[in-house]
Amino acid sequence: MLMMDRPPGMDMPVMHDSDRYELVKDIGSGNFGVARLMRDRQTNELVAAKYIERGEKIDENVQREIINHRSLRHPNIVKFKEVILTPTHLAIVMEYASGGELFERICNAGRFSEDEARFFFQQLISGVSYCHAMSSVLHSQPKSTVGTPAYIAPEVLLKKEYDGKKADVWSCGVTLYVMLVGAYPFEDPEEPKNFKKTIQRILNVQYSIPDYVHISPECRHLISRIFVADPSKRITMPEIKSHEWFLKNLPTDLMDENTMNNQFKEPDQPMQSEDEIMQIITQATIPPAGMNSLNQYLTGSLDIDDDMDEDLESDPDLDINSSGEIVYAM
């Protein structure tokens, strides 16, 4: 996430009048808004708060994200806690993942060993697979547009309906590749920031594993089955979970998902009911009175810049409507 300086006096209020949480530090910012590390004054627990500016940004996508997140209970998915309304923002309070960002860890290490990459990939697949299993009970939409161009599946870029679960498989494959190689699979090595080239390489499934990266034939096979342009021929999530490379050194708690999911179902429900959350979200759609948008100061861009965005949007065959985050199929 990008960190951005803000002019003096432009800081948003930390919380509402209750002041239950105190600011520890800014974590980062993106197209969605600002993320902050907070401390619960009552329990001393550290939490993460994601701030989204009140008004037009609080749309049905934000509403769906919050309601869906509230329903999830899994050890590899950050836990939802509550939503709070501030004078200028809607704050989504959630569990703080103290281990830091995986991408930052990859950057520090250069790249992971195959065993370490598999360890994280197994957890990723477990969490995403759980979301897919929950899709029948979560509010959904037929099609979700996602951000971060490097992770987007070919069919998502094209202006047609697609299966979000199959697109998620591709995105998980990109994460696996990044862990093993230390670079994105479809970026042009000569022009890594040329998003148009990245998108063309995605559509052509143009990637390679460098000679200096030594991985097993089984791992190469799995990657080749993930990076398939035709989603109907791409490996499925259940097939990944039965692949010999995935099954190697599989942690015991990930072997039986039914047992695992029951083990991590917590008896205590979230602090707020769905009705309470909906009331707060409805209030958050009303812009703060007498205040101009602070968006230019509070958010950075993780994805496509304005000029590139206009250039790509002029292509009738591409669908680029970036949210700045990967949105797993619900």
Protein backbone atom coordinates (compact mmCIF):
# COMPACT_ATOMS: atom_id res chain seq x y z
CA MET A 1 0.00 0.00 0.00
CA LEU A 2 1.16 3.50 -0.75
CA MET A 3 1.77 5.92 2.07
CA MET A 4 0.94 9.54 1.28
CA ASP A 5 1.63 12.74 3.16
CA ARG A 6 -1.38 14.92 3.91
CA PRO A 7 -1.41 18.70 4.29
CA PRO A 8 -1.66 19.99 7.87
CA GLY A 9 -5.23 20.18 9.12
CA MET A 10 -6.53 17.68 6.55
CA ASP A 11 -6.37 14.62 8.80
CA MET A 12 -9.68 12.85 9.16
CA PRO A 13 -11.22 12.30 12.60
CA VAL A 14 -9.85 9.08 14.08
CA MET A 15 -13.19 7.77 15.35
CA HIS A 16 -16.63 8.90 16.39
CA ASP A 17 -17.57 10.57 19.67
CA SER A 18 -17.29 7.30 21.61
CA ASP A 19 -13.53 7.35 20.94
CA ARG A 20 -13.30 3.65 21.73
CA TYR A 21 -10.24 3.24 19.54
CA GLU A 22 -7.01 5.21 19.60
CA LEU A 23 -4.73 5.69 16.62
CA VAL A 24 -1.46 3.79 16.62
CA LYS A 25 -0.25 4.54 13.09
CA ASP A 26 -1.29 4.75 9.46
CA ILE A 27 -0.91 1.46 7.63
CA GLY A 28 -1.45 2.70 4.10
CA SER A 29 -3.84 3.95 1.47
CA GLY A 30 -5.30 2.93 -1.84
CA ASN A 31 -8.24 3.49 -4.16
CA PHE A 32 -10.57 2.32 -1.40
CA GLY A 33 -9.45 4.93 1.14
CA VAL A 34 -7.12 4.79 4.14
CA ALA A 35 -6.13 1.95 6.47
CA ARG A 36 -5.06 2.61 10.06
CA LEU A 37 -3.78 0.53 12.94
CA MET A 38 -5.89 1.22 16.03
CA ARG A 39 -5.95 0.05 19.66
CA ASP A 40 -9.16 -0.87 21.44
CA ARG A 41 -9.13 1.16 24.67
CA GLN A 42 -11.34 -1.41 26.42
CA THR A 43 -9.39 -4.58 25.59
CA ASN A 44 -6.02 -3.16 24.50
CA GLU A 45 -6.40 -5.26 21.35
CA LEU A 46 -4.85 -4.03 18.09
CA VAL A 47 -7.28 -3.78 15.18
CA ALA A 48 -7.16 -2.51 11.61
CA ALA A 49 -9.63 0.15 10.47
CA LYS A 50 -10.36 0.74 6.81
CA TYR A 51 -11.76 4.23 6.18
CA ILE A 52 -13.95 4.97 3.17
CA GLU A 53 -15.07 8.53 2.54
CA ARG A 54 -18.78 9.12 3.14
CA GLY A 55 -21.00 9.85 0.18
CA GLU A 56 -20.89 8.34 -3.29
CA LYS A 57 -18.08 5.91 -2.47
CA ILE A 58 -20.41 4.04 -0.13
CA ASP A 59 -22.16 2.09 -2.88
CA GLU A 60 -23.70 -1.36 -3.20
CA ASN A 61 -20.25 -2.91 -3.68
CA VAL A 62 -19.09 -1.59 -0.30
CA GLN A 63 -22.35 -2.76 1.27
CA ARG A 64 -21.95 -6.24 -0.18
CA GLU A 65 -18.31 -6.45 0.86
CA ILE A 66 -19.17 -5.60 4.48
CA ILE A 67 -22.17 -7.95 4.74
CA ASN A 68 -20.24 -10.80 3.13
CA HIS A 69 -17.17 -10.20 5.30
CA ARG A 70 -19.34 -10.30 8.41
CA SER A 71 -20.43 -13.86 7.50
CA LEU A 72 -16.93 -15.32 7.13
CA ARG A 73 -15.26 -17.41 9.83
CA HIS A 74 -11.97 -18.97 8.77
CA PRO A 75 -8.43 -18.96 10.24
CA ASN A 76 -6.93 -17.64 6.99
CA ILE A 77 -9.44 -14.80 6.55
CA VAL A 78 -9.19 -11.56 8.51
CA LYS A 79 -12.12 -11.38 10.94
CA PHE A 80 -14.72 -8.63 10.64
CA LYS A 81 -15.48 -6.78 13.88
CA GLU A 82 -17.77 -3.79 13.31
CA VAL A 83 -18.48 -0.65 11.30
CA ILE A 84 -18.32 2.82 12.81
CA LEU A 85 -19.46 6.14 11.38
CA THR A 86 -17.17 9.16 11.73
CA PRO A 87 -18.14 12.69 10.69
CA THR A 88 -16.35 12.19 7.36
CA HIS A 89 -15.83 8.45 6.85
CA LEU A 90 -17.21 4.96 7.28
CA ALA A 91 -14.70 2.89 9.25
CA ILE A 92 -14.63 -0.89 8.83
CA VAL A 93 -12.94 -2.39 11.89
CA MET A 94 -11.37 -5.81 11.49
CA GLU A 95 -8.77 -8.16 12.92
CA TYR A 96 -5.20 -6.90 12.58
CA ALA A 97 -2.94 -9.32 10.71
CA SER A 98 0.27 -8.63 12.60
CA GLY A 99 2.46 -10.73 10.32
CA GLY A 100 2.51 -7.96 7.76
CA GLU A 101 1.92 -8.10 4.03
CA LEU A 102 2.98 -11.21 2.13
CA PHE A 103 4.27 -9.10 -0.76
CA GLU A 104 6.54 -7.14 1.58
CA ARG A 105 7.91 -10.39 2.95
CA ILE A 106 8.60 -11.59 -0.59
CA CYS A 107 10.37 -8.31 -1.38
CA ASN A 108 12.57 -8.69 1.69
CA ALA A 109 13.40 -12.31 0.88
CA GLY A 110 13.76 -11.83 -2.87
CA ARG A 111 11.72 -14.98 -3.41
CA PHE A 112 10.61 -17.98 -1.38
CA SER A 113 11.82 -21.55 -1.45
CA GLU A 114 9.36 -23.98 -3.00
CA ASP A 115 8.44 -25.40 0.41
CA GLU A 116 7.78 -21.94 1.89
CA ALA A 117 5.74 -20.89 -1.15
CA ARG A 118 3.69 -24.07 -0.86
CA PHE A 119 3.04 -23.40 2.84
CA PHE A 120 1.47 -20.01 2.09
CA PHE A 121 -0.25 -21.24 -1.08
CA GLN A 122 -1.97 -24.01 0.89
CA GLN A 123 -3.40 -21.43 3.29
CA LEU A 124 -4.44 -19.15 0.42
CA ILE A 125 -6.27 -21.96 -1.36
CA SER A 126 -7.93 -23.01 1.90
CA GLY A 127 -9.26 -19.49 2.50
CA VAL A 128 -10.41 -18.87 -1.07
CA SER A 129 -11.99 -22.32 -1.27
CA TYR A 130 -13.94 -21.53 1.89
CA CYS A 131 -15.23 -18.30 0.30
CA HIS A 132 -16.35 -20.30 -2.73
CA ALA A 133 -18.15 -22.80 -0.50
CA MET A 134 -19.88 -19.90 1.26
CA SER A 135 -21.04 -18.36 -2.01
CA SER A 136 -24.47 -19.98 -1.76
CA VAL A 137 -25.25 -18.15 1.49
CA LEU A 138 -23.61 -14.81 0.73
CA HIS A 139 -25.17 -11.96 -1.24
CA SER A 140 -23.60 -11.98 -4.68
CA GLN A 141 -23.54 -10.43 -8.11
CA PRO A 142 -23.00 -12.24 -11.45
CA LYS A 143 -19.83 -10.34 -12.23
CA SER A 144 -17.25 -8.49 -10.14
CA THR A 145 -14.56 -6.29 -11.63
CA VAL A 146 -11.21 -6.47 -9.87
CA GLY A 147 -8.15 -4.28 -9.69
CA THR A 148 -4.35 -4.70 -9.62
CA PRO A 149 -3.82 -5.57 -13.32
CA ALA A 150 -1.07 -8.14 -12.68
CA TYR A 151 -3.56 -10.50 -10.98
CA ILE A 152 -6.47 -10.26 -13.43
CA ALA A 153 -7.50 -13.37 -15.37
CA PRO A 154 -7.85 -12.99 -19.18
CA GLU A 155 -11.62 -13.49 -19.18
CA VAL A 156 -12.06 -10.67 -16.65
CA LEU A 157 -10.40 -8.22 -19.04
CA LEU A 158 -12.83 -9.07 -21.82
CA LYS A 159 -16.28 -7.55 -21.92
CA LYS A 160 -18.25 -10.71 -21.24
CA GLU A 161 -19.64 -12.64 -18.30
CA TYR A 162 -17.20 -14.88 -16.45
CA ASP A 163 -17.07 -17.34 -13.57
CA GLY A 164 -15.52 -15.55 -10.60
CA LYS A 165 -14.37 -18.80 -9.01
CA LYS A 166 -12.34 -19.74 -12.09
CA ALA A 167 -10.90 -16.24 -12.22
CA ASP A 168 -9.84 -16.61 -8.58
CA VAL A 169 -7.81 -19.70 -9.52
CA TRP A 170 -5.79 -17.56 -11.95
CA SER A 171 -5.22 -14.87 -9.31
CA CYS A 172 -4.02 -17.49 -6.82
CA GLY A 173 -1.63 -18.76 -9.49
CA VAL A 174 -0.17 -15.26 -9.86
CA THR A 175 0.45 -15.17 -6.11
CA LEU A 176 2.19 -18.56 -6.27
CA TYR A 177 4.38 -17.40 -9.16
CA VAL A 178 5.33 -14.18 -7.34
CA MET A 179 6.35 -16.16 -4.25
CA LEU A 180 8.53 -18.52 -6.31
CA VAL A 181 10.07 -16.02 -8.74
CA GLY A 182 9.92 -12.69 -6.96
CA ALA A 183 8.30 -10.96 -9.94
CA TYR A 184 4.93 -10.81 -11.64
CA PRO A 185 4.43 -13.43 -14.37
CA PHE A 186 2.98 -11.17 -17.06
CA GLU A 187 4.93 -7.96 -16.65
CA ASP A 188 7.30 -7.07 -19.46
CA PRO A 189 10.78 -7.25 -17.84
CA GLU A 190 11.85 -4.25 -19.93
CA GLU A 191 8.75 -2.18 -19.11
CA PRO A 192 7.21 -3.52 -15.87
CA LYS A 193 5.00 -0.44 -15.42
CA ASN A 194 3.55 -0.61 -18.93
CA PHE A 195 0.09 -1.86 -17.99
CA LYS A 196 -1.04 -2.12 -21.60
CA LYS A 197 1.78 -4.57 -22.30
CA THR A 198 1.00 -6.46 -19.11
CA ILE A 199 -2.62 -6.84 -20.17
CA GLN A 200 -1.63 -8.03 -23.66
CA ARG A 201 0.72 -10.61 -22.14
CA ILE A 202 -2.08 -11.79 -19.86
CA LEU A 203 -4.43 -12.24 -22.81
CA ASN A 204 -1.71 -14.18 -24.66
CA VAL A 205 -0.71 -16.12 -21.51
CA GLN A 206 2.86 -15.00 -22.17
CA TYR A 207 5.04 -15.92 -19.21
CA SER A 208 8.13 -17.95 -18.40
CA ILE A 209 9.96 -19.26 -15.36
CA PRO A 210 13.55 -17.91 -15.31
CA ASP A 211 16.37 -20.44 -15.55
CA TYR A 212 17.73 -19.38 -12.17
CA VAL A 213 14.51 -20.46 -10.46
CA HIS A 214 14.72 -24.16 -9.70
CA ILE A 215 11.33 -25.70 -8.97
CA SER A 216 10.04 -29.23 -9.21
CA PRO A 217 8.29 -30.63 -12.31
CA GLU A 218 5.14 -31.04 -10.19
CA CYS A 219 5.12 -27.33 -9.36
CA ARG A 220 5.69 -26.38 -12.99
CA HIS A 221 2.80 -28.65 -13.97
CA LEU A 222 0.44 -26.98 -11.48
CA ILE A 223 1.38 -23.50 -12.72
CA SER A 224 0.85 -24.56 -16.34
CA ARG A 225 -2.62 -25.86 -15.43
CA ILE A 226 -3.52 -22.59 -13.69
CA PHE A 227 -2.35 -20.23 -16.44
CA VAL A 228 -4.78 -21.42 -19.10
CA ALA A 229 -6.65 -18.74 -21.06
CA ASP A 230 -9.81 -20.80 -21.52
CA PRO A 231 -11.42 -20.91 -18.04
CA SER A 232 -13.28 -24.12 -18.94
CA LYS A 233 -9.92 -25.88 -19.40
CA ARG A 234 -8.22 -24.28 -16.38
CA ILE A 235 -7.63 -26.40 -13.29
CA THR A 236 -10.40 -26.04 -10.71
CA MET A 237 -10.07 -25.33 -7.00
CA PRO A 238 -10.95 -28.95 -6.01
CA GLU A 239 -8.39 -30.22 -8.53
CA ILE A 240 -5.71 -27.95 -7.05
CA LYS A 241 -6.50 -29.36 -3.61
CA SER A 242 -5.94 -32.90 -4.89
CA HIS A 243 -2.80 -32.06 -6.91
CA GLU A 244 0.29 -33.95 -5.71
CA TRP A 245 2.34 -30.77 -5.32
CA PHE A 246 -0.34 -29.14 -3.16
CA LEU A 247 -0.76 -32.23 -0.96
CA LYS A 248 2.93 -32.46 -0.07
CA ASN A 249 3.52 -31.41 3.58
CA LEU A 250 -0.11 -30.34 3.86
CA PRO A 251 -0.71 -29.22 7.47
CA THR A 252 -3.02 -31.53 9.39
CA ASP A 253 -5.51 -28.77 10.14
CA LEU A 254 -6.00 -28.17 6.41
CA MET A 255 -6.60 -31.81 5.50
CA ASP A 256 -10.22 -32.03 6.66
CA GLU A 257 -11.90 -28.74 5.84
CA ASN A 258 -15.18 -29.68 7.49
CA THR A 259 -13.42 -30.32 10.78
CA MET A 260 -11.33 -27.17 10.37
CA ASN A 261 -14.31 -24.95 9.59
CA ASN A 262 -16.22 -26.25 12.60
CA GLN A 263 -13.16 -25.78 14.79
CA PHE A 264 -12.94 -22.09 13.91
CA LYS A 265 -16.63 -21.26 14.06
CA GLU A 266 -16.76 -18.91 16.98
CA PRO A 267 -19.72 -18.96 19.35
CA ASP A 268 -19.79 -15.21 19.71
CA GLN A 269 -21.45 -13.33 16.88
CA PRO A 270 -20.13 -9.97 15.59
CA MET A 271 -20.85 -6.96 17.75
CA GLN A 272 -23.45 -5.65 15.32
CA SER A 273 -26.46 -7.25 13.67
CA GLU A 274 -26.91 -7.05 9.92
CA ASP A 275 -29.73 -4.53 10.45
CA GLU A 276 -27.50 -2.29 12.57
CA ILE A 277 -24.77 -2.45 9.94
CA MET A 278 -27.23 -1.57 7.16
CA GLN A 279 -28.45 1.45 9.12
CA ILE A 280 -24.89 2.72 9.53
CA ILE A 281 -24.10 2.12 5.85
CA THR A 282 -27.25 4.04 4.85
CA GLN A 283 -26.13 6.98 6.99
CA ALA A 284 -22.68 6.77 5.44
CA THR A 285 -24.11 7.35 1.95
CA ILE A 286 -24.89 10.93 3.05
CA PRO A 287 -21.84 13.16 2.36
CA PRO A 288 -20.45 15.12 5.32
CA ALA A 289 -22.10 18.53 5.51
CA GLY A 290 -20.08 21.52 4.29
CA MET A 291 -16.98 19.52 3.44
CA ASN A 292 -15.28 19.20 0.09
CA SER A 293 -13.91 15.84 -0.93
CA LEU A 294 -10.69 14.93 0.84
CA ASN A 295 -10.07 12.08 -1.55
CA GLN A 296 -7.17 13.80 -3.31
CA TYR A 297 -5.32 13.93 -0.01
CA LEU A 298 -6.38 10.63 1.51
CA THR A 299 -5.93 8.12 -1.26
CA GLY A 300 -3.19 6.93 -3.54
CA SER A 301 -3.45 4.69 -6.58
CA LEU A 302 -2.28 1.12 -6.52
CA ASP A 303 -3.18 0.54 -10.11
CA ILE A 304 -3.61 2.30 -13.41
CA ASP A 305 -2.91 6.04 -13.65
CA ASP A 306 -5.45 8.38 -15.24
CA ASP A 307 -3.76 8.65 -18.63
CA MET A 308 -3.29 4.91 -18.92
CA ASP A 309 -6.84 4.34 -17.69
CA GLU A 310 -8.25 6.53 -20.47
CA ASP A 311 -6.04 4.79 -23.02
CA LEU A 312 -7.18 1.33 -21.94
CA GLU A 313 -10.83 2.31 -21.67
CA SER A 314 -10.74 3.34 -25.32
CA ASP A 315 -10.11 -0.30 -26.25
CA PRO A 316 -13.58 -1.79 -26.89
CA ASP A 317 -12.38 -5.32 -26.12
CA LEU A 318 -11.15 -4.63 -22.61
CA ASP A 319 -12.98 -4.15 -19.33
CA ILE A 320 -10.84 -2.01 -17.03
CA ASN A 321 -12.75 -0.68 -14.05
CA SER A 322 -10.23 -0.96 -11.28
CA SER A 323 -11.21 -1.13 -7.64
CA GLY A 324 -7.61 -1.39 -6.38
CA GLU A 325 -8.21 -4.74 -4.72
CA ILE A 326 -8.72 -8.34 -5.67
CA VAL A 327 -12.34 -9.20 -4.90
CA TYR A 328 -12.77 -12.92 -4.49
CA ALA A 329 -15.90 -14.46 -5.97
CA MET A 330 -18.84 -14.49 -3.56
